[in-house]
Amino acid sequence: MRVAAAVVVAAAAVTAAAPLATAAPSGPATVRPAAVADGGTPELTPAEAAELERLVAEIKREFAKPTNGKPDVSAFGGKGEVGKKVVELIKKAGPKFYRAAVDAAKGGTKSFNKWVDDLKWYHPVRVAISAGGGELVDWLVGQLMGG
């Protein structure tokens, strides 16, 4: 429940800040939730925030579908495609970030969950992974272990 609330708060913060960010007089517009205090958290442009919001909606839609008890997410089309988008989001955060995700995945689900939990609650990767739950985590661990 707390994760869902965090996603809603993050989406609301990004959505509310988007019109203000586009009114900036110079330079590219970026959106930062008010809670961001460190320099290590990625900034999102309004377009990136909207893209993240669409991805979260897609993750929720796909991972809410029944799986008939099959453990391999790649076997059910849409879920595998959504999972690939999450992997791309991880890669987009940079090679060091991706390497950390792979290393965490190689430690298993518990290690990967700890890595995700150590990200700021508003980090785009954490928001996306949290939307998919355990099934997405299991798929990501399997994919990243091969990466």
N, C-alpha and C. Protein backbone atom coordinates (compact mmCIF):
# COMPACT_ATOMS: atom_id res chain seq x y z
N MET A 1 0.81 -1.18 0.00
CA MET A 1 0.00 0.00 0.00
C MET A 1 0.86 1.26 0.00
N ARG A 2 1.97 1.22 0.81
CA ARG A 2 2.84 2.39 0.87
C ARG A 2 3.50 2.66 -0.46
N VAL A 3 3.86 1.59 -1.18
CA VAL A 3 4.50 1.76 -2.49
C VAL A 3 3.52 2.42 -3.45
N ALA A 4 2.27 1.96 -3.44
CA ALA A 4 1.26 2.55 -4.32
C ALA A 4 1.06 4.02 -3.98
N ALA A 5 1.05 4.34 -2.69
CA ALA A 5 0.91 5.74 -2.29
C ALA A 5 2.11 6.56 -2.75
N ALA A 6 3.31 5.98 -2.67
CA ALA A 6 4.51 6.68 -3.11
C ALA A 6 4.46 6.96 -4.60
N VAL A 7 3.96 6.00 -5.38
CA VAL A 7 3.85 6.18 -6.83
C VAL A 7 2.88 7.31 -7.13
N VAL A 8 1.75 7.32 -6.42
CA VAL A 8 0.75 8.37 -6.63
C VAL A 8 1.32 9.72 -6.25
N VAL A 9 2.03 9.80 -5.11
CA VAL A 9 2.61 11.07 -4.68
C VAL A 9 3.65 11.53 -5.68
N ALA A 10 4.50 10.61 -6.15
CA ALA A 10 5.53 10.97 -7.13
C ALA A 10 4.90 11.46 -8.43
N ALA A 11 3.88 10.74 -8.89
CA ALA A 11 3.21 11.15 -10.13
C ALA A 11 2.54 12.51 -9.97
N ALA A 12 1.91 12.72 -8.80
CA ALA A 12 1.25 14.00 -8.55
C ALA A 12 2.26 15.14 -8.50
N ALA A 13 3.40 14.88 -7.85
CA ALA A 13 4.43 15.91 -7.75
C ALA A 13 4.98 16.27 -9.13
N VAL A 14 5.22 15.24 -9.94
CA VAL A 14 5.75 15.48 -11.28
C VAL A 14 4.71 16.17 -12.14
N THR A 15 3.45 15.72 -12.06
CA THR A 15 2.38 16.31 -12.87
C THR A 15 2.14 17.76 -12.46
N ALA A 16 2.14 18.04 -11.17
CA ALA A 16 1.90 19.40 -10.69
C ALA A 16 3.04 20.33 -11.07
N ALA A 17 4.26 19.81 -11.08
CA ALA A 17 5.42 20.65 -11.37
C ALA A 17 5.63 20.87 -12.86
N ALA A 18 5.07 20.02 -13.70
CA ALA A 18 5.32 20.09 -15.14
C ALA A 18 4.96 21.46 -15.74
N PRO A 19 3.77 22.03 -15.45
CA PRO A 19 3.47 23.34 -16.05
C PRO A 19 4.44 24.42 -15.58
N LEU A 20 4.87 24.35 -14.34
CA LEU A 20 5.81 25.34 -13.82
C LEU A 20 7.17 25.20 -14.48
N ALA A 21 7.59 23.97 -14.72
CA ALA A 21 8.91 23.73 -15.31
C ALA A 21 8.97 24.23 -16.74
N THR A 22 7.87 24.14 -17.47
CA THR A 22 7.89 24.56 -18.86
C THR A 22 7.86 26.08 -18.99
N ALA A 23 7.56 26.79 -17.91
CA ALA A 23 7.52 28.24 -17.95
C ALA A 23 8.89 28.87 -17.68
N ALA A 24 9.91 28.05 -17.49
CA ALA A 24 11.25 28.57 -17.21
C ALA A 24 11.72 29.43 -18.38
N PRO A 25 12.34 30.58 -18.11
CA PRO A 25 12.71 31.48 -19.18
C PRO A 25 13.86 31.01 -20.05
N SER A 26 14.78 30.19 -19.52
CA SER A 26 15.90 29.78 -20.35
C SER A 26 16.31 28.35 -20.03
N GLY A 27 16.99 27.71 -20.98
CA GLY A 27 17.49 26.35 -20.77
C GLY A 27 16.39 25.32 -20.87
N PRO A 28 16.77 24.04 -20.92
CA PRO A 28 15.77 23.00 -21.00
C PRO A 28 15.02 22.87 -19.68
N ALA A 29 13.72 22.64 -19.79
CA ALA A 29 12.89 22.52 -18.60
C ALA A 29 13.11 21.17 -17.95
N THR A 30 13.20 21.16 -16.63
CA THR A 30 13.29 19.91 -15.89
C THR A 30 12.34 19.96 -14.72
N VAL A 31 11.98 18.78 -14.24
CA VAL A 31 11.07 18.66 -13.13
C VAL A 31 11.78 17.92 -12.02
N ARG A 32 11.75 18.46 -10.82
CA ARG A 32 12.31 17.77 -9.65
C ARG A 32 11.26 17.83 -8.56
N PRO A 33 10.86 16.67 -8.02
CA PRO A 33 9.95 16.71 -6.89
C PRO A 33 10.57 17.54 -5.77
N ALA A 34 9.73 18.21 -4.99
CA ALA A 34 10.22 19.11 -3.94
C ALA A 34 11.10 18.39 -2.93
N ALA A 35 10.92 17.08 -2.75
CA ALA A 35 11.67 16.33 -1.75
C ALA A 35 13.11 16.04 -2.18
N VAL A 36 13.47 16.34 -3.42
CA VAL A 36 14.81 16.03 -3.90
C VAL A 36 15.80 17.00 -3.25
N ALA A 37 16.75 16.45 -2.51
CA ALA A 37 17.73 17.29 -1.86
C ALA A 37 19.14 17.00 -2.35
N ASP A 38 19.39 15.81 -2.87
CA ASP A 38 20.75 15.45 -3.29
C ASP A 38 20.91 15.66 -4.79
N GLY A 39 22.14 15.71 -5.24
CA GLY A 39 22.42 15.92 -6.65
C GLY A 39 22.48 14.62 -7.43
N GLY A 40 22.36 13.46 -6.77
CA GLY A 40 22.53 12.18 -7.43
C GLY A 40 21.26 11.60 -8.01
N THR A 41 20.15 12.24 -7.82
CA THR A 41 18.89 11.72 -8.32
C THR A 41 18.61 12.33 -9.69
N PRO A 42 18.19 11.50 -10.65
CA PRO A 42 17.97 12.02 -12.00
C PRO A 42 16.83 13.03 -12.05
N GLU A 43 17.04 14.03 -12.86
CA GLU A 43 15.99 15.00 -13.12
C GLU A 43 15.19 14.52 -14.31
N LEU A 44 13.92 14.79 -14.30
CA LEU A 44 13.04 14.39 -15.39
C LEU A 44 12.50 15.62 -16.10
N THR A 45 12.55 15.59 -17.40
CA THR A 45 11.88 16.63 -18.17
C THR A 45 10.39 16.30 -18.12
N PRO A 46 9.53 17.22 -18.46
CA PRO A 46 8.11 16.90 -18.49
C PRO A 46 7.80 15.72 -19.41
N ALA A 47 8.50 15.62 -20.52
CA ALA A 47 8.28 14.50 -21.44
C ALA A 47 8.70 13.17 -20.80
N GLU A 48 9.84 13.19 -20.08
CA GLU A 48 10.29 11.98 -19.41
C GLU A 48 9.34 11.58 -18.29
N ALA A 49 8.82 12.57 -17.58
CA ALA A 49 7.86 12.28 -16.51
C ALA A 49 6.60 11.65 -17.09
N ALA A 50 6.13 12.17 -18.21
CA ALA A 50 4.95 11.61 -18.86
C ALA A 50 5.23 10.20 -19.36
N GLU A 51 6.44 9.97 -19.88
CA GLU A 51 6.83 8.65 -20.35
C GLU A 51 6.86 7.66 -19.19
N LEU A 52 7.40 8.08 -18.04
CA LEU A 52 7.44 7.22 -16.86
C LEU A 52 6.03 6.90 -16.39
N GLU A 53 5.16 7.89 -16.42
CA GLU A 53 3.78 7.67 -16.01
C GLU A 53 3.08 6.65 -16.93
N ARG A 54 3.33 6.74 -18.23
CA ARG A 54 2.76 5.76 -19.18
C ARG A 54 3.33 4.37 -18.93
N LEU A 55 4.64 4.28 -18.65
CA LEU A 55 5.27 2.99 -18.38
C LEU A 55 4.69 2.36 -17.12
N VAL A 56 4.51 3.14 -16.07
CA VAL A 56 3.93 2.62 -14.83
C VAL A 56 2.52 2.10 -15.08
N ALA A 57 1.73 2.83 -15.85
CA ALA A 57 0.37 2.38 -16.17
C ALA A 57 0.41 1.07 -16.96
N GLU A 58 1.34 0.98 -17.90
CA GLU A 58 1.48 -0.24 -18.71
C GLU A 58 1.92 -1.42 -17.84
N ILE A 59 2.85 -1.18 -16.93
CA ILE A 59 3.31 -2.23 -16.03
C ILE A 59 2.14 -2.73 -15.18
N LYS A 60 1.39 -1.81 -14.60
CA LYS A 60 0.25 -2.19 -13.76
C LYS A 60 -0.78 -2.98 -14.56
N ARG A 61 -1.03 -2.55 -15.79
CA ARG A 61 -2.02 -3.23 -16.63
C ARG A 61 -1.55 -4.65 -16.97
N GLU A 62 -0.32 -4.80 -17.39
CA GLU A 62 0.19 -6.11 -17.80
C GLU A 62 0.38 -7.06 -16.62
N PHE A 63 0.90 -6.56 -15.52
CA PHE A 63 1.19 -7.44 -14.40
C PHE A 63 -0.01 -7.70 -13.51
N ALA A 64 -1.15 -7.09 -13.83
CA ALA A 64 -2.39 -7.41 -13.13
C ALA A 64 -3.07 -8.62 -13.76
N LYS A 65 -2.63 -9.00 -14.97
CA LYS A 65 -3.22 -10.14 -15.67
C LYS A 65 -2.80 -11.45 -15.01
N PRO A 66 -3.70 -12.43 -14.98
CA PRO A 66 -3.32 -13.73 -14.41
C PRO A 66 -2.27 -14.42 -15.28
N THR A 67 -1.37 -15.19 -14.64
CA THR A 67 -0.27 -15.83 -15.37
C THR A 67 -0.45 -17.33 -15.49
N ASN A 68 -1.52 -17.87 -14.98
CA ASN A 68 -1.78 -19.31 -15.02
C ASN A 68 -0.66 -20.10 -14.37
N GLY A 69 0.01 -19.49 -13.38
CA GLY A 69 1.04 -20.18 -12.63
C GLY A 69 2.35 -20.39 -13.35
N LYS A 70 2.52 -19.81 -14.54
CA LYS A 70 3.77 -19.97 -15.29
C LYS A 70 4.83 -19.03 -14.71
N PRO A 71 6.01 -19.54 -14.34
CA PRO A 71 7.00 -18.69 -13.71
C PRO A 71 7.79 -17.81 -14.69
N ASP A 72 7.79 -18.11 -15.96
CA ASP A 72 8.59 -17.36 -16.92
C ASP A 72 7.77 -16.25 -17.56
N VAL A 73 7.99 -15.01 -17.13
CA VAL A 73 7.21 -13.88 -17.62
C VAL A 73 7.37 -13.70 -19.12
N SER A 74 8.54 -14.05 -19.66
CA SER A 74 8.77 -13.85 -21.09
C SER A 74 7.84 -14.71 -21.93
N ALA A 75 7.20 -15.70 -21.32
CA ALA A 75 6.29 -16.58 -22.04
C ALA A 75 4.95 -15.91 -22.33
N PHE A 76 4.65 -14.79 -21.69
CA PHE A 76 3.35 -14.20 -21.94
C PHE A 76 3.43 -12.83 -22.59
N GLY A 77 4.07 -12.77 -23.71
CA GLY A 77 4.09 -11.61 -24.60
C GLY A 77 4.21 -10.24 -23.98
N GLY A 78 3.09 -9.63 -23.66
CA GLY A 78 3.07 -8.25 -23.19
C GLY A 78 3.91 -8.02 -21.96
N LYS A 79 3.92 -8.96 -21.05
CA LYS A 79 4.71 -8.80 -19.83
C LYS A 79 6.21 -8.77 -20.16
N GLY A 80 6.63 -9.62 -21.06
CA GLY A 80 8.03 -9.61 -21.46
C GLY A 80 8.41 -8.31 -22.13
N GLU A 81 7.52 -7.77 -22.94
CA GLU A 81 7.79 -6.49 -23.61
C GLU A 81 7.88 -5.36 -22.60
N VAL A 82 7.00 -5.36 -21.62
CA VAL A 82 7.05 -4.33 -20.57
C VAL A 82 8.32 -4.50 -19.76
N GLY A 83 8.69 -5.74 -19.45
CA GLY A 83 9.92 -6.00 -18.71
C GLY A 83 11.13 -5.46 -19.43
N LYS A 84 11.14 -5.60 -20.75
CA LYS A 84 12.26 -5.08 -21.55
C LYS A 84 12.34 -3.56 -21.45
N LYS A 85 11.20 -2.90 -21.34
CA LYS A 85 11.20 -1.44 -21.19
C LYS A 85 11.81 -1.04 -19.85
N VAL A 86 11.56 -1.85 -18.82
CA VAL A 86 12.15 -1.56 -17.51
C VAL A 86 13.66 -1.76 -17.56
N VAL A 87 14.11 -2.80 -18.25
CA VAL A 87 15.56 -3.02 -18.42
C VAL A 87 16.17 -1.81 -19.15
N GLU A 88 15.49 -1.31 -20.17
CA GLU A 88 15.99 -0.13 -20.90
C GLU A 88 16.05 1.09 -19.98
N LEU A 89 15.07 1.22 -19.09
CA LEU A 89 15.07 2.32 -18.13
C LEU A 89 16.28 2.22 -17.21
N ILE A 90 16.61 1.00 -16.78
CA ILE A 90 17.78 0.78 -15.94
C ILE A 90 19.05 1.14 -16.71
N LYS A 91 19.14 0.71 -17.97
CA LYS A 91 20.31 1.02 -18.79
C LYS A 91 20.44 2.53 -19.03
N LYS A 92 19.31 3.20 -19.19
CA LYS A 92 19.30 4.63 -19.45
C LYS A 92 19.90 5.42 -18.28
N ALA A 93 19.85 4.84 -17.08
CA ALA A 93 20.39 5.52 -15.90
C ALA A 93 21.92 5.52 -15.88
N GLY A 94 22.54 4.80 -16.78
CA GLY A 94 23.98 4.83 -16.90
C GLY A 94 24.63 3.48 -16.66
N PRO A 95 25.86 3.33 -17.17
CA PRO A 95 26.54 2.03 -17.07
C PRO A 95 26.85 1.59 -15.64
N LYS A 96 27.21 2.52 -14.77
CA LYS A 96 27.49 2.15 -13.37
C LYS A 96 26.21 1.69 -12.68
N PHE A 97 25.12 2.37 -12.96
CA PHE A 97 23.83 2.02 -12.38
C PHE A 97 23.40 0.64 -12.88
N TYR A 98 23.54 0.42 -14.18
CA TYR A 98 23.18 -0.87 -14.77
C TYR A 98 24.04 -1.99 -14.17
N ARG A 99 25.33 -1.75 -14.03
CA ARG A 99 26.24 -2.75 -13.46
C ARG A 99 25.82 -3.08 -12.02
N ALA A 100 25.41 -2.07 -11.25
CA ALA A 100 24.95 -2.29 -9.88
C ALA A 100 23.68 -3.14 -9.88
N ALA A 101 22.79 -2.91 -10.83
CA ALA A 101 21.57 -3.72 -10.93
C ALA A 101 21.91 -5.17 -11.27
N VAL A 102 22.83 -5.36 -12.20
CA VAL A 102 23.25 -6.72 -12.58
C VAL A 102 23.89 -7.42 -11.39
N ASP A 103 24.78 -6.73 -10.69
CA ASP A 103 25.43 -7.33 -9.52
C ASP A 103 24.41 -7.71 -8.46
N ALA A 104 23.43 -6.85 -8.24
CA ALA A 104 22.38 -7.15 -7.26
C ALA A 104 21.56 -8.35 -7.72
N ALA A 105 21.25 -8.42 -8.99
CA ALA A 105 20.46 -9.55 -9.53
C ALA A 105 21.21 -10.86 -9.38
N LYS A 106 22.52 -10.81 -9.56
CA LYS A 106 23.32 -12.03 -9.43
C LYS A 106 23.30 -12.55 -8.00
N GLY A 107 22.98 -11.70 -7.05
CA GLY A 107 22.84 -12.11 -5.65
C GLY A 107 21.47 -12.72 -5.36
N GLY A 108 20.58 -12.72 -6.35
CA GLY A 108 19.24 -13.29 -6.18
C GLY A 108 18.18 -12.23 -5.91
N THR A 109 16.97 -12.71 -5.73
CA THR A 109 15.82 -11.82 -5.55
C THR A 109 15.96 -10.94 -4.31
N LYS A 110 16.41 -11.53 -3.21
CA LYS A 110 16.55 -10.77 -1.97
C LYS A 110 17.54 -9.63 -2.15
N SER A 111 18.67 -9.91 -2.78
CA SER A 111 19.70 -8.90 -3.04
C SER A 111 19.16 -7.81 -3.97
N PHE A 112 18.44 -8.21 -5.01
CA PHE A 112 17.90 -7.25 -5.96
C PHE A 112 16.86 -6.36 -5.28
N ASN A 113 16.00 -6.95 -4.47
CA ASN A 113 15.00 -6.16 -3.74
C ASN A 113 15.67 -5.15 -2.82
N LYS A 114 16.76 -5.54 -2.17
CA LYS A 114 17.48 -4.62 -1.29
C LYS A 114 18.04 -3.46 -2.12
N TRP A 115 18.60 -3.77 -3.30
CA TRP A 115 19.13 -2.73 -4.17
C TRP A 115 18.02 -1.74 -4.57
N VAL A 116 16.87 -2.28 -4.95
CA VAL A 116 15.74 -1.42 -5.33
C VAL A 116 15.29 -0.59 -4.13
N ASP A 117 15.20 -1.21 -2.96
CA ASP A 117 14.76 -0.50 -1.76
C ASP A 117 15.74 0.60 -1.34
N ASP A 118 17.01 0.46 -1.71
CA ASP A 118 18.00 1.47 -1.37
C ASP A 118 17.93 2.70 -2.29
N LEU A 119 17.21 2.59 -3.40
CA LEU A 119 17.01 3.75 -4.27
C LEU A 119 16.04 4.71 -3.59
N LYS A 120 16.16 5.99 -3.88
CA LYS A 120 15.20 6.96 -3.35
C LYS A 120 13.80 6.56 -3.80
N TRP A 121 12.81 6.82 -2.98
CA TRP A 121 11.45 6.39 -3.28
C TRP A 121 10.93 6.99 -4.57
N TYR A 122 11.46 8.11 -4.97
CA TYR A 122 10.98 8.79 -6.18
C TYR A 122 11.87 8.51 -7.40
N HIS A 123 12.87 7.63 -7.25
CA HIS A 123 13.73 7.30 -8.39
C HIS A 123 12.89 6.60 -9.46
N PRO A 124 13.00 7.01 -10.72
CA PRO A 124 12.16 6.42 -11.77
C PRO A 124 12.26 4.89 -11.86
N VAL A 125 13.44 4.33 -11.65
CA VAL A 125 13.59 2.88 -11.71
C VAL A 125 12.83 2.21 -10.57
N ARG A 126 12.93 2.77 -9.38
CA ARG A 126 12.21 2.19 -8.24
C ARG A 126 10.70 2.31 -8.44
N VAL A 127 10.25 3.44 -8.94
CA VAL A 127 8.81 3.63 -9.19
C VAL A 127 8.32 2.57 -10.19
N ALA A 128 9.07 2.37 -11.27
CA ALA A 128 8.66 1.41 -12.30
C ALA A 128 8.66 -0.02 -11.75
N ILE A 129 9.72 -0.42 -11.05
CA ILE A 129 9.81 -1.78 -10.54
C ILE A 129 8.74 -2.03 -9.48
N SER A 130 8.49 -1.04 -8.65
CA SER A 130 7.48 -1.19 -7.60
C SER A 130 6.09 -1.40 -8.20
N ALA A 131 5.84 -0.84 -9.36
CA ALA A 131 4.53 -0.98 -9.99
C ALA A 131 4.27 -2.42 -10.44
N GLY A 132 5.33 -3.18 -10.74
CA GLY A 132 5.17 -4.55 -11.23
C GLY A 132 5.17 -5.62 -10.17
N GLY A 133 5.64 -5.30 -9.00
CA GLY A 133 5.64 -6.26 -7.91
C GLY A 133 6.64 -7.40 -8.08
N GLY A 134 6.40 -8.46 -7.32
CA GLY A 134 7.32 -9.59 -7.28
C GLY A 134 7.51 -10.31 -8.60
N GLU A 135 6.47 -10.38 -9.39
CA GLU A 135 6.58 -11.06 -10.68
C GLU A 135 7.55 -10.33 -11.61
N LEU A 136 7.48 -9.01 -11.63
CA LEU A 136 8.41 -8.23 -12.43
C LEU A 136 9.82 -8.36 -11.88
N VAL A 137 9.97 -8.33 -10.57
CA VAL A 137 11.29 -8.49 -9.95
C VAL A 137 11.91 -9.82 -10.35
N ASP A 138 11.13 -10.90 -10.26
CA ASP A 138 11.64 -12.23 -10.63
C ASP A 138 12.10 -12.24 -12.08
N TRP A 139 11.32 -11.62 -12.97
CA TRP A 139 11.69 -11.58 -14.39
C TRP A 139 12.97 -10.78 -14.58
N LEU A 140 13.05 -9.61 -13.92
CA LEU A 140 14.23 -8.76 -14.04
C LEU A 140 15.49 -9.47 -13.55
N VAL A 141 15.37 -10.16 -12.43
CA VAL A 141 16.53 -10.89 -11.88
C VAL A 141 17.01 -11.91 -12.91
N GLY A 142 16.08 -12.64 -13.50
CA GLY A 142 16.45 -13.62 -14.52
C GLY A 142 17.12 -12.99 -15.72
N GLN A 143 16.60 -11.86 -16.18
CA GLN A 143 17.15 -11.18 -17.34
C GLN A 143 18.51 -10.57 -17.05
N LEU A 144 18.63 -9.91 -15.91
CA LEU A 144 19.88 -9.22 -15.57
C LEU A 144 21.00 -10.19 -15.21
N MET A 145 20.67 -11.37 -14.73
CA MET A 145 21.70 -12.35 -14.41
C MET A 145 22.41 -12.79 -15.69
N GLY A 146 21.70 -12.75 -16.79
CA GLY A 146 22.31 -13.09 -18.07
C GLY A 146 23.04 -11.91 -18.69
N GLY A 147 22.82 -10.69 -18.14
CA GLY A 147 23.36 -9.48 -18.71
C GLY A 147 24.74 -9.19 -18.27
